[in-house]
Amino acid sequence: MPMHVTSGSGSENVTVEAEGRVSFDKTGDTIRELFKSKLSVTPKITVVPVGTLPRTEKKAKRVIDHRE
């Protein structure tokens, strides 16, 4: 589940990509609420079908920082 951090308009934005099996909306809502309750961050959630996100054989990069 990669997380992308970007900045723009004086704020930082977080986008999370996740895979869902049944209900994309419910999966996205669950992830959004977990981030909000644990980190006080409300990310944009993109849920895609299982098998869509790339797999890695080595240690996965979980946070991708696009800020300059």
N, C-alpha and C. Protein backbone atom coordinates (compact mmCIF):
# COMPACT_ATOMS: atom_id res chain seq x y z
N MET A 1 0.85 -1.16 0.00
CA MET A 1 0.00 0.00 0.00
C MET A 1 0.90 1.23 0.00
N PRO A 2 1.32 1.69 -1.18
CA PRO A 2 2.19 2.87 -1.22
C PRO A 2 1.45 4.15 -0.84
N MET A 3 2.20 5.04 -0.21
CA MET A 3 1.67 6.33 0.19
C MET A 3 2.53 7.40 -0.48
N HIS A 4 1.89 8.33 -1.20
CA HIS A 4 2.58 9.40 -1.91
C HIS A 4 2.36 10.70 -1.15
N VAL A 5 3.45 11.45 -0.92
CA VAL A 5 3.37 12.74 -0.24
C VAL A 5 3.76 13.81 -1.25
N THR A 6 2.89 14.81 -1.43
CA THR A 6 3.16 15.92 -2.33
C THR A 6 2.87 17.22 -1.60
N SER A 7 3.32 18.33 -2.16
CA SER A 7 2.98 19.62 -1.58
C SER A 7 2.46 20.53 -2.67
N GLY A 8 1.63 21.44 -2.26
CA GLY A 8 1.06 22.40 -3.20
C GLY A 8 0.09 23.31 -2.49
N SER A 9 0.03 24.54 -2.92
CA SER A 9 -0.88 25.54 -2.34
C SER A 9 -0.66 25.71 -0.84
N GLY A 10 0.59 25.60 -0.40
CA GLY A 10 0.90 25.82 1.00
C GLY A 10 0.55 24.67 1.93
N SER A 11 0.18 23.52 1.39
CA SER A 11 -0.13 22.38 2.25
C SER A 11 0.48 21.11 1.66
N GLU A 12 0.53 20.09 2.49
CA GLU A 12 1.03 18.81 2.04
C GLU A 12 -0.14 17.86 1.83
N ASN A 13 -0.05 17.04 0.80
CA ASN A 13 -1.13 16.13 0.46
C ASN A 13 -0.63 14.69 0.54
N VAL A 14 -1.48 13.80 0.99
CA VAL A 14 -1.15 12.39 1.09
C VAL A 14 -2.15 11.60 0.26
N THR A 15 -1.63 10.74 -0.62
CA THR A 15 -2.46 9.85 -1.42
C THR A 15 -2.04 8.42 -1.12
N VAL A 16 -3.00 7.57 -0.83
CA VAL A 16 -2.71 6.17 -0.53
C VAL A 16 -3.31 5.30 -1.62
N GLU A 17 -2.52 4.35 -2.13
CA GLU A 17 -3.00 3.38 -3.10
C GLU A 17 -3.16 2.05 -2.39
N ALA A 18 -4.31 1.43 -2.52
CA ALA A 18 -4.58 0.16 -1.85
C ALA A 18 -5.34 -0.76 -2.78
N GLU A 19 -5.24 -2.05 -2.50
CA GLU A 19 -6.00 -3.03 -3.27
C GLU A 19 -7.19 -3.50 -2.45
N GLY A 20 -8.32 -3.68 -3.12
CA GLY A 20 -9.52 -4.13 -2.45
C GLY A 20 -10.12 -5.33 -3.16
N ARG A 21 -10.75 -6.21 -2.41
CA ARG A 21 -11.33 -7.41 -3.00
C ARG A 21 -12.84 -7.30 -3.24
N VAL A 22 -13.56 -6.66 -2.34
CA VAL A 22 -15.02 -6.67 -2.45
C VAL A 22 -15.58 -5.28 -2.71
N SER A 23 -15.56 -4.44 -1.70
CA SER A 23 -16.17 -3.11 -1.81
C SER A 23 -15.08 -2.04 -1.80
N PHE A 24 -14.82 -1.45 -2.96
CA PHE A 24 -13.79 -0.43 -3.04
C PHE A 24 -14.11 0.77 -2.15
N ASP A 25 -15.38 1.20 -2.15
CA ASP A 25 -15.76 2.35 -1.34
C ASP A 25 -15.57 2.06 0.14
N LYS A 26 -15.99 0.89 0.59
CA LYS A 26 -15.86 0.54 2.01
C LYS A 26 -14.39 0.42 2.40
N THR A 27 -13.58 -0.19 1.54
CA THR A 27 -12.15 -0.32 1.81
C THR A 27 -11.51 1.06 1.92
N GLY A 28 -11.83 1.95 0.99
CA GLY A 28 -11.30 3.32 1.02
C GLY A 28 -11.71 4.07 2.28
N ASP A 29 -12.98 3.93 2.66
CA ASP A 29 -13.47 4.60 3.87
C ASP A 29 -12.76 4.08 5.12
N THR A 30 -12.54 2.77 5.18
CA THR A 30 -11.86 2.17 6.33
C THR A 30 -10.43 2.69 6.45
N ILE A 31 -9.71 2.71 5.33
CA ILE A 31 -8.33 3.20 5.35
C ILE A 31 -8.29 4.67 5.72
N ARG A 32 -9.19 5.46 5.16
CA ARG A 32 -9.25 6.90 5.45
C ARG A 32 -9.47 7.14 6.94
N GLU A 33 -10.40 6.41 7.54
CA GLU A 33 -10.70 6.59 8.96
C GLU A 33 -9.53 6.15 9.84
N LEU A 34 -8.83 5.09 9.46
CA LEU A 34 -7.66 4.65 10.23
C LEU A 34 -6.56 5.72 10.21
N PHE A 35 -6.29 6.28 9.04
CA PHE A 35 -5.28 7.34 8.95
C PHE A 35 -5.71 8.53 9.80
N LYS A 36 -6.97 8.90 9.69
CA LYS A 36 -7.46 10.08 10.41
C LYS A 36 -7.38 9.87 11.92
N SER A 37 -7.74 8.69 12.41
CA SER A 37 -7.74 8.45 13.85
C SER A 37 -6.34 8.25 14.42
N LYS A 38 -5.44 7.64 13.65
CA LYS A 38 -4.10 7.34 14.16
C LYS A 38 -3.08 8.44 13.89
N LEU A 39 -3.20 9.12 12.74
CA LEU A 39 -2.19 10.08 12.33
C LEU A 39 -2.70 11.51 12.20
N SER A 40 -3.99 11.71 12.38
CA SER A 40 -4.62 13.02 12.20
C SER A 40 -4.38 13.56 10.79
N VAL A 41 -4.38 12.67 9.82
CA VAL A 41 -4.21 13.00 8.41
C VAL A 41 -5.38 12.38 7.65
N THR A 42 -5.98 13.15 6.75
CA THR A 42 -7.05 12.61 5.93
C THR A 42 -6.54 12.50 4.49
N PRO A 43 -6.12 11.29 4.10
CA PRO A 43 -5.55 11.12 2.76
C PRO A 43 -6.60 10.93 1.69
N LYS A 44 -6.18 11.14 0.44
CA LYS A 44 -6.99 10.75 -0.71
C LYS A 44 -6.70 9.26 -0.91
N ILE A 45 -7.74 8.45 -1.06
CA ILE A 45 -7.58 7.01 -1.18
C ILE A 45 -7.92 6.57 -2.60
N THR A 46 -7.04 5.77 -3.19
CA THR A 46 -7.30 5.15 -4.48
C THR A 46 -7.29 3.64 -4.28
N VAL A 47 -8.45 3.00 -4.43
CA VAL A 47 -8.54 1.54 -4.26
C VAL A 47 -8.68 0.93 -5.64
N VAL A 48 -7.83 -0.06 -5.92
CA VAL A 48 -7.80 -0.72 -7.22
C VAL A 48 -7.98 -2.22 -7.04
N PRO A 49 -8.33 -2.94 -8.11
CA PRO A 49 -8.49 -4.40 -8.00
C PRO A 49 -7.19 -5.08 -7.56
N VAL A 50 -7.33 -6.18 -6.86
CA VAL A 50 -6.18 -6.97 -6.41
C VAL A 50 -5.35 -7.38 -7.62
N GLY A 51 -4.02 -7.25 -7.49
CA GLY A 51 -3.11 -7.60 -8.57
C GLY A 51 -2.72 -6.41 -9.45
N THR A 52 -3.31 -5.24 -9.18
CA THR A 52 -3.04 -4.05 -9.98
C THR A 52 -1.73 -3.37 -9.58
N LEU A 53 -1.48 -3.26 -8.29
CA LEU A 53 -0.27 -2.59 -7.82
C LEU A 53 0.95 -3.47 -8.05
N PRO A 54 2.09 -2.86 -8.37
CA PRO A 54 3.29 -3.66 -8.64
C PRO A 54 3.78 -4.39 -7.41
N ARG A 55 4.33 -5.56 -7.61
CA ARG A 55 4.90 -6.37 -6.54
C ARG A 55 6.41 -6.18 -6.55
N THR A 56 7.03 -6.35 -5.41
CA THR A 56 8.48 -6.25 -5.33
C THR A 56 9.03 -7.47 -4.62
N GLU A 57 10.19 -7.91 -5.04
CA GLU A 57 10.85 -9.04 -4.39
C GLU A 57 11.74 -8.57 -3.26
N LYS A 58 12.10 -7.30 -3.28
CA LYS A 58 12.94 -6.72 -2.23
C LYS A 58 12.06 -5.90 -1.30
N LYS A 59 12.69 -5.22 -0.38
CA LYS A 59 11.94 -4.40 0.57
C LYS A 59 11.16 -3.32 -0.17
N ALA A 60 9.87 -3.25 0.10
CA ALA A 60 8.99 -2.29 -0.59
C ALA A 60 9.19 -0.88 -0.05
N LYS A 61 9.11 0.10 -0.94
CA LYS A 61 9.16 1.50 -0.53
C LYS A 61 7.73 1.92 -0.24
N ARG A 62 7.40 2.10 1.01
CA ARG A 62 6.04 2.38 1.44
C ARG A 62 5.64 3.85 1.30
N VAL A 63 6.60 4.76 1.51
CA VAL A 63 6.31 6.19 1.42
C VAL A 63 7.14 6.77 0.28
N ILE A 64 6.49 7.40 -0.66
CA ILE A 64 7.17 8.02 -1.79
C ILE A 64 6.97 9.53 -1.67
N ASP A 65 8.07 10.23 -1.40
CA ASP A 65 8.01 11.67 -1.14
C ASP A 65 8.30 12.43 -2.44
N HIS A 66 7.28 13.12 -2.96
CA HIS A 66 7.40 13.88 -4.20
C HIS A 66 7.64 15.37 -3.94
N ARG A 67 7.78 15.75 -2.66
CA ARG A 67 8.00 17.16 -2.34
C ARG A 67 9.40 17.59 -2.75
N GLU A 68 9.54 18.87 -3.04
CA GLU A 68 10.86 19.40 -3.41
C GLU A 68 11.52 20.09 -2.28
